[in-house]
Amino acid sequence: MERDNFATLREQAAAGDQDAVGQLVELLAERGDMAELRRFADAGSRDAEDLLVELAQEREDVDELRRLAERGNQDAADILTELAQG
């Protein structure tokens, strides 16, 4: 059933349903699917970008945080600064 729901959300998100996008990025974050979150963030989803920053911070993924900071994400830049200060 979860797979069907996931597929339905993908279809709705692809059709521009922003509620579906929000639900889908939440599920992706729960799964820890950084690649798919990145895809949504790159397509303009602020929610996906925020969740990607959170996951990257939890995983101490400096490369992802740096990528996000270079794209202008201030939260990612702040986390990088904190990590550098130890």
C-alpha atoms as a PDB file:
ATOM      1  CA  MET A   1       0.000   0.000   0.000  1.00  0.00           C
ATOM      2  CA  GLU A   2       2.810   2.426   0.832  1.00  0.00           C
ATOM      3  CA  ARG A   3       4.312   1.909  -2.629  1.00  0.00           C
ATOM      4  CA  ASP A   4       0.960   2.766  -4.253  1.00  0.00           C
ATOM      5  CA  ASN A   5       0.615   5.893  -2.107  1.00  0.00           C
ATOM      6  CA  PHE A   6       4.174   6.909  -2.963  1.00  0.00           C
ATOM      7  CA  ALA A   7       3.514   6.442  -6.686  1.00  0.00           C
ATOM      8  CA  THR A   8       0.291   8.432  -6.447  1.00  0.00           C
ATOM      9  CA  LEU A   9       2.070  11.267  -4.650  1.00  0.00           C
ATOM     10  CA  ARG A  10       4.778  11.278  -7.336  1.00  0.00           C
ATOM     11  CA  GLU A  11       2.161  11.569 -10.064  1.00  0.00           C
ATOM     12  CA  GLN A  12       0.345  14.362  -8.262  1.00  0.00           C
ATOM     13  CA  ALA A  13       3.612  16.198  -7.555  1.00  0.00           C
ATOM     14  CA  ALA A  14       4.634  15.884 -11.207  1.00  0.00           C
ATOM     15  CA  ALA A  15       1.289  17.431 -12.136  1.00  0.00           C
ATOM     16  CA  GLY A  16       2.090  20.443  -9.965  1.00  0.00           C
ATOM     17  CA  ASP A  17       0.138  19.563  -6.800  1.00  0.00           C
ATOM     18  CA  GLN A  18       2.102  21.426  -4.119  1.00  0.00           C
ATOM     19  CA  ASP A  19       0.393  19.538  -1.287  1.00  0.00           C
ATOM     20  CA  ALA A  20       1.600  16.300  -2.855  1.00  0.00           C
ATOM     21  CA  VAL A  21       5.095  17.762  -3.185  1.00  0.00           C
ATOM     22  CA  GLY A  22       5.070  18.609   0.520  1.00  0.00           C
ATOM     23  CA  GLN A  23       3.909  15.144   1.524  1.00  0.00           C
ATOM     24  CA  LEU A  24       6.371  13.498  -0.812  1.00  0.00           C
ATOM     25  CA  VAL A  25       9.398  15.424   0.438  1.00  0.00           C
ATOM     26  CA  GLU A  26       8.404  14.554   4.030  1.00  0.00           C
ATOM     27  CA  LEU A  27       8.357  10.866   3.088  1.00  0.00           C
ATOM     28  CA  LEU A  28      11.676  11.206   1.291  1.00  0.00           C
ATOM     29  CA  ALA A  29      13.208  12.817   4.358  1.00  0.00           C
ATOM     30  CA  GLU A  30      11.883  10.030   6.585  1.00  0.00           C
ATOM     31  CA  ARG A  31      13.515   7.545   4.221  1.00  0.00           C
ATOM     32  CA  GLY A  32      16.727   9.562   4.176  1.00  0.00           C
ATOM     33  CA  ASP A  33      16.613   9.780   0.381  1.00  0.00           C
ATOM     34  CA  MET A  34      18.982  12.665  -0.185  1.00  0.00           C
ATOM     35  CA  ALA A  35      19.190  12.151  -3.954  1.00  0.00           C
ATOM     36  CA  GLU A  36      15.437  12.585  -4.427  1.00  0.00           C
ATOM     37  CA  LEU A  37      15.306  15.486  -1.972  1.00  0.00           C
ATOM     38  CA  ARG A  38      18.096  17.112  -3.954  1.00  0.00           C
ATOM     39  CA  ARG A  39      16.063  16.677  -7.147  1.00  0.00           C
ATOM     40  CA  PHE A  40      13.053  18.420  -5.589  1.00  0.00           C
ATOM     41  CA  ALA A  41      15.235  21.134  -4.051  1.00  0.00           C
ATOM     42  CA  ASP A  42      16.904  21.758  -7.400  1.00  0.00           C
ATOM     43  CA  ALA A  43      13.426  22.081  -8.930  1.00  0.00           C
ATOM     44  CA  GLY A  44      12.597  24.849  -6.447  1.00  0.00           C
ATOM     45  CA  SER A  45      11.019  23.123  -3.441  1.00  0.00           C
ATOM     46  CA  ARG A  46      12.035  25.123  -0.385  1.00  0.00           C
ATOM     47  CA  ASP A  47      10.671  22.364   1.875  1.00  0.00           C
ATOM     48  CA  ALA A  48      12.910  19.811   0.171  1.00  0.00           C
ATOM     49  CA  GLU A  49      15.891  22.120   0.526  1.00  0.00           C
ATOM     50  CA  ASP A  50      15.201  22.668   4.238  1.00  0.00           C
ATOM     51  CA  LEU A  51      14.904  18.929   4.844  1.00  0.00           C
ATOM     52  CA  LEU A  52      18.042  18.312   2.814  1.00  0.00           C
ATOM     53  CA  VAL A  53      19.931  20.748   5.051  1.00  0.00           C
ATOM     54  CA  GLU A  54      18.623  18.933   8.135  1.00  0.00           C
ATOM     55  CA  LEU A  55      19.669  15.523   6.821  1.00  0.00           C
ATOM     56  CA  ALA A  56      23.060  16.797   5.740  1.00  0.00           C
ATOM     57  CA  GLN A  57      23.602  18.276   9.188  1.00  0.00           C
ATOM     58  CA  GLU A  58      22.561  15.033  10.914  1.00  0.00           C
ATOM     59  CA  ARG A  59      24.956  13.085   8.704  1.00  0.00           C
ATOM     60  CA  GLU A  60      27.674  15.720   8.949  1.00  0.00           C
ATOM     61  CA  ASP A  61      27.740  15.711   5.154  1.00  0.00           C
ATOM     62  CA  VAL A  62      29.999  18.695   4.636  1.00  0.00           C
ATOM     63  CA  ASP A  63      30.044  18.297   0.853  1.00  0.00           C
ATOM     64  CA  GLU A  64      26.243  18.541   0.647  1.00  0.00           C
ATOM     65  CA  LEU A  65      26.160  21.458   3.068  1.00  0.00           C
ATOM     66  CA  ARG A  66      28.817  23.207   0.975  1.00  0.00           C
ATOM     67  CA  ARG A  67      26.832  22.566  -2.228  1.00  0.00           C
ATOM     68  CA  LEU A  68      23.716  24.042  -0.634  1.00  0.00           C
ATOM     69  CA  ALA A  69      25.615  27.018   0.781  1.00  0.00           C
ATOM     70  CA  GLU A  70      27.115  27.735  -2.632  1.00  0.00           C
ATOM     71  CA  ARG A  71      23.556  27.817  -4.027  1.00  0.00           C
ATOM     72  CA  GLY A  72      22.724  30.517  -1.493  1.00  0.00           C
ATOM     73  CA  ASN A  73      21.251  28.515   1.392  1.00  0.00           C
ATOM     74  CA  GLN A  74      22.080  30.551   4.494  1.00  0.00           C
ATOM     75  CA  ASP A  75      21.180  27.743   6.913  1.00  0.00           C
ATOM     76  CA  ALA A  76      23.724  25.454   5.269  1.00  0.00           C
ATOM     77  CA  ALA A  77      26.327  28.238   5.384  1.00  0.00           C
ATOM     78  CA  ASP A  78      25.643  28.816   9.093  1.00  0.00           C
ATOM     79  CA  ILE A  79      26.007  25.105   9.856  1.00  0.00           C
ATOM     80  CA  LEU A  80      29.305  24.983   7.955  1.00  0.00           C
ATOM     81  CA  THR A  81      30.542  27.926   9.998  1.00  0.00           C
ATOM     82  CA  GLU A  82      29.542  26.169  13.232  1.00  0.00           C
ATOM     83  CA  LEU A  83      31.284  22.965  12.155  1.00  0.00           C
ATOM     84  CA  ALA A  84      34.442  24.876  11.259  1.00  0.00           C
ATOM     85  CA  GLN A  85      34.495  26.532  14.685  1.00  0.00           C
ATOM     86  CA  GLY A  86      34.337  23.135  16.299  1.00  0.00           C
END
